[in-house]
Protein backbone atom coordinates (compact mmCIF):
# COMPACT_ATOMS: atom_id res chain seq x y z
CA UNK A 1 0.00 0.00 0.00
CA UNK A 2 2.87 2.38 0.71
CA UNK A 3 3.82 2.28 -2.97
CA UNK A 4 0.51 3.98 -3.80
CA UNK A 5 1.29 6.87 -1.46
CA UNK A 6 4.84 7.27 -2.77
CA UNK A 7 3.68 7.10 -6.40
CA UNK A 8 1.06 9.79 -5.80
CA UNK A 9 3.56 12.00 -3.97
CA UNK A 10 6.11 11.56 -6.76
CA UNK A 11 3.51 12.24 -9.46
CA UNK A 12 2.51 15.51 -7.81
CA UNK A 13 6.16 16.58 -7.39
CA UNK A 14 5.50 18.33 -4.10
CA UNK A 15 8.33 20.43 -2.70
CA UNK A 16 8.50 21.94 0.79
CA UNK A 17 7.03 25.26 -0.38
CA UNK A 18 4.20 23.43 -2.16
CA UNK A 19 3.23 21.66 1.07
CA UNK A 20 3.03 25.02 2.86
CA UNK A 21 0.81 26.41 0.10
CA UNK A 22 -1.35 23.27 0.07
CA UNK A 23 -1.96 23.71 3.82
CA UNK A 24 -4.13 26.71 2.93
CA UNK A 25 -7.72 25.62 3.62
CA UNK A 26 -8.77 26.99 0.21
CA UNK A 27 -6.37 24.55 -1.39
CA UNK A 28 -7.63 21.63 0.68
CA UNK A 29 -11.32 22.27 0.09
CA UNK A 30 -10.97 23.05 -3.63
CA UNK A 31 -8.90 19.88 -3.98
CA UNK A 32 -12.16 17.97 -3.63
CA UNK A 33 -13.22 19.44 -7.01
CA UNK A 34 -10.44 17.60 -8.86
CA UNK A 35 -11.99 14.15 -9.19
CA UNK A 36 -15.49 15.42 -10.07
CA UNK A 37 -13.97 17.67 -12.77
CA UNK A 38 -11.98 14.78 -14.22
CA UNK A 39 -15.08 12.57 -14.16
CA UNK A 40 -17.21 15.26 -15.78
CA UNK A 41 -14.62 15.71 -18.53
CA UNK A 42 -14.57 11.96 -19.21
CA UNK A 43 -18.36 11.70 -19.13
CA UNK A 44 -18.66 14.74 -21.43
CA UNK A 45 -17.27 12.74 -24.34
CA UNK A 46 -20.86 11.81 -25.25
CA UNK A 47 -22.00 15.44 -25.22
CA UNK A 48 -19.06 17.29 -26.77
CA UNK A 49 -16.99 14.57 -28.44
CA UNK A 50 -13.29 15.33 -28.79
CA UNK A 51 -13.74 18.67 -27.00
CA UNK A 52 -13.81 16.55 -23.86
CA UNK A 53 -10.05 16.05 -24.29
CA UNK A 54 -9.14 19.72 -23.62
CA UNK A 55 -11.59 19.65 -20.69
CA UNK A 56 -9.81 16.57 -19.32
CA UNK A 57 -6.40 18.19 -19.80
CA UNK A 58 -7.67 21.30 -17.99
CA UNK A 59 -9.00 19.19 -15.10
CA UNK A 60 -5.70 17.28 -14.92
CA UNK A 61 -3.78 20.57 -14.93
CA UNK A 62 -5.99 21.86 -12.10
CA UNK A 63 -5.28 18.66 -10.16
CA UNK A 64 -1.53 19.32 -10.42
CA UNK A 65 -1.76 23.10 -9.90
CA UNK A 66 -4.23 23.11 -7.00
CA UNK A 67 -1.71 22.50 -4.17
CA UNK A 68 0.35 25.39 -5.54
CA UNK A 69 -2.50 27.81 -6.28
CA UNK A 70 -2.88 29.50 -2.90
CA UNK A 71 -0.53 31.34 -0.56
CA UNK A 72 0.58 29.60 2.64
CA UNK A 73 -1.95 30.23 5.41
CA UNK A 74 -1.26 32.78 8.13
CA UNK A 75 -2.48 30.18 10.65
CA UNK A 76 -2.08 26.40 10.35
CA UNK A 77 -4.64 25.69 13.07
CA UNK A 78 -7.61 24.79 10.89
CA UNK A 79 -8.78 21.22 10.29
CA UNK A 80 -7.83 21.49 6.61
CA UNK A 81 -4.33 22.78 7.34
CA UNK A 82 -3.74 20.06 9.90
CA UNK A 83 -4.97 17.42 7.46
CA UNK A 84 -2.24 18.52 5.06
CA UNK A 85 0.40 18.63 7.80
CA UNK A 86 -0.68 15.19 9.01
CA UNK A 87 -0.50 13.78 5.50
CA UNK A 88 3.02 15.12 5.16
CA UNK A 89 3.98 13.39 8.41
CA UNK A 90 2.23 10.19 7.31
CA UNK A 91 4.13 10.16 4.01
CA UNK A 92 7.36 10.34 6.03
CA UNK A 93 6.21 7.62 8.44
CA UNK A 94 9.51 5.78 8.25
CA UNK A 95 11.01 8.76 10.11
CA UNK A 96 8.25 9.20 12.69
CA UNK A 97 6.74 6.99 15.40
CA UNK A 98 3.19 6.84 14.08
CA UNK A 99 1.08 4.36 16.08
CA UNK A 100 0.18 1.23 14.13
CA UNK A 101 -3.58 1.82 14.53
CA UNK A 102 -3.28 5.06 12.55
CA UNK A 103 -1.34 3.37 9.78
CA UNK A 104 -3.86 0.51 9.58
CA UNK A 105 -6.75 2.97 9.44
CA UNK A 106 -5.08 4.99 6.68
CA UNK A 107 -4.48 1.83 4.65
CA UNK A 108 -8.09 0.70 5.13
CA UNK A 109 -9.46 4.09 4.08
CA UNK A 110 -7.23 4.13 1.01
CA UNK A 111 -8.45 0.62 0.11
CA UNK A 112 -12.08 1.72 0.56
CA UNK A 113 -11.47 4.69 -1.70
CA UNK A 114 -9.90 2.38 -4.31
CA UNK A 115 -12.93 0.06 -4.07
CA UNK A 116 -15.15 3.09 -4.63
CA UNK A 117 -13.34 3.65 -7.89
CA UNK A 118 -14.76 0.38 -9.26
CA UNK A 119 -18.36 1.59 -9.73
CA UNK A 120 -16.94 4.93 -10.85
CA UNK A 121 -14.93 3.31 -13.63
CA UNK A 122 -17.88 1.13 -14.59
CA UNK A 123 -20.15 4.17 -14.67
CA UNK A 124 -17.74 6.06 -16.92
CA UNK A 125 -17.36 3.13 -19.32
CA UNK A 126 -21.05 2.20 -19.42
CA UNK A 127 -22.19 5.84 -19.22
CA UNK A 128 -24.31 4.94 -16.22
CA UNK A 129 -24.91 8.15 -14.24
CA UNK A 130 -25.99 6.34 -11.05
CA UNK A 131 -22.89 4.14 -10.94
CA UNK A 132 -20.76 7.19 -11.69
CA UNK A 133 -22.30 9.21 -8.85
CA UNK A 134 -22.15 6.24 -6.47
CA UNK A 135 -18.50 5.71 -7.40
CA UNK A 136 -17.67 9.38 -6.86
CA UNK A 137 -19.25 9.34 -3.42
CA UNK A 138 -17.65 6.00 -2.53
CA UNK A 139 -14.24 7.35 -3.58
CA UNK A 140 -14.43 10.80 -2.00
CA UNK A 141 -15.98 9.94 1.40
CA UNK A 142 -13.13 7.64 2.48
CA UNK A 143 -10.70 10.35 1.34
CA UNK A 144 -12.40 12.87 3.64
CA UNK A 145 -12.19 10.32 6.45
CA UNK A 146 -8.51 9.77 5.55
CA UNK A 147 -7.95 13.52 5.90
CA UNK A 148 -9.57 13.41 9.32
CA UNK A 149 -7.22 10.57 10.29
CA UNK A 150 -4.31 12.76 9.18
CA UNK A 151 -5.54 15.50 11.55
CA UNK A 152 -5.60 12.92 14.34
CA UNK A 153 -2.08 11.71 13.50
CA UNK A 154 -0.82 15.29 13.51
CA UNK A 155 -2.48 16.02 16.86
CA UNK A 156 -1.09 12.84 18.43
CA UNK A 157 2.47 13.36 17.21
CA UNK A 158 2.76 17.11 17.84
CA UNK A 159 0.66 17.18 21.03
CA UNK A 160 -1.42 20.04 19.65
CA UNK A 161 -5.17 20.51 19.70
CA UNK A 162 -6.99 20.87 16.37
CA UNK A 163 -8.60 24.27 15.98
CA UNK A 164 -6.17 26.15 18.20
CA UNK A 165 -4.01 28.75 16.45
CA UNK A 166 -0.79 27.45 14.97
CA UNK A 167 1.25 30.29 13.40
CA UNK A 168 3.92 27.97 12.00
CA UNK A 169 3.70 24.31 11.09
CA UNK A 170 5.24 22.00 13.62
CA UNK A 171 6.77 18.72 12.58
CA UNK A 172 7.00 15.92 15.13
CA UNK A 173 10.41 14.72 16.27
CA UNK A 174 12.03 12.19 14.00
CA UNK A 175 12.60 8.63 15.15
CA UNK A 176 16.00 8.06 16.66
CA UNK A 177 17.65 5.12 14.97
CA UNK A 178 20.70 3.44 16.51
């Protein structure tokens, strides 16, 4: 499962400054538009033919640009900011002491999201709007839950309380290896 996370991180090409920008709540919340826009562009092939290709390219470009589109937040205390900070910690889990129950939960939520992609893919191939909508919901809801788990990981490892002001992002101490 960790290969999925690493592949996604590599594909997005996130640098340190990009992570700070992505911690802006506007970036986090608008990120949830990416999959619906991609799905709409794919589905639109029946309505607009080959014009769906530029729409798909635009949606893919938005998916890549979104984490870079907003300035870093003045306060990292929001749920959305902490979800991003927690995800960053989770992606570096070999360097941090993340409790096993958090890692298991993140893997399960990622698997649920992947399972949700099955009706989504079917709906896009068969042009079945109900399967497409069901698949979108079944893919996005576990991702929201995953984000909430990232907030929890961040709170546990930094000993901070979600919602309290956080003027600069804190990273938990790294694991000491002998």
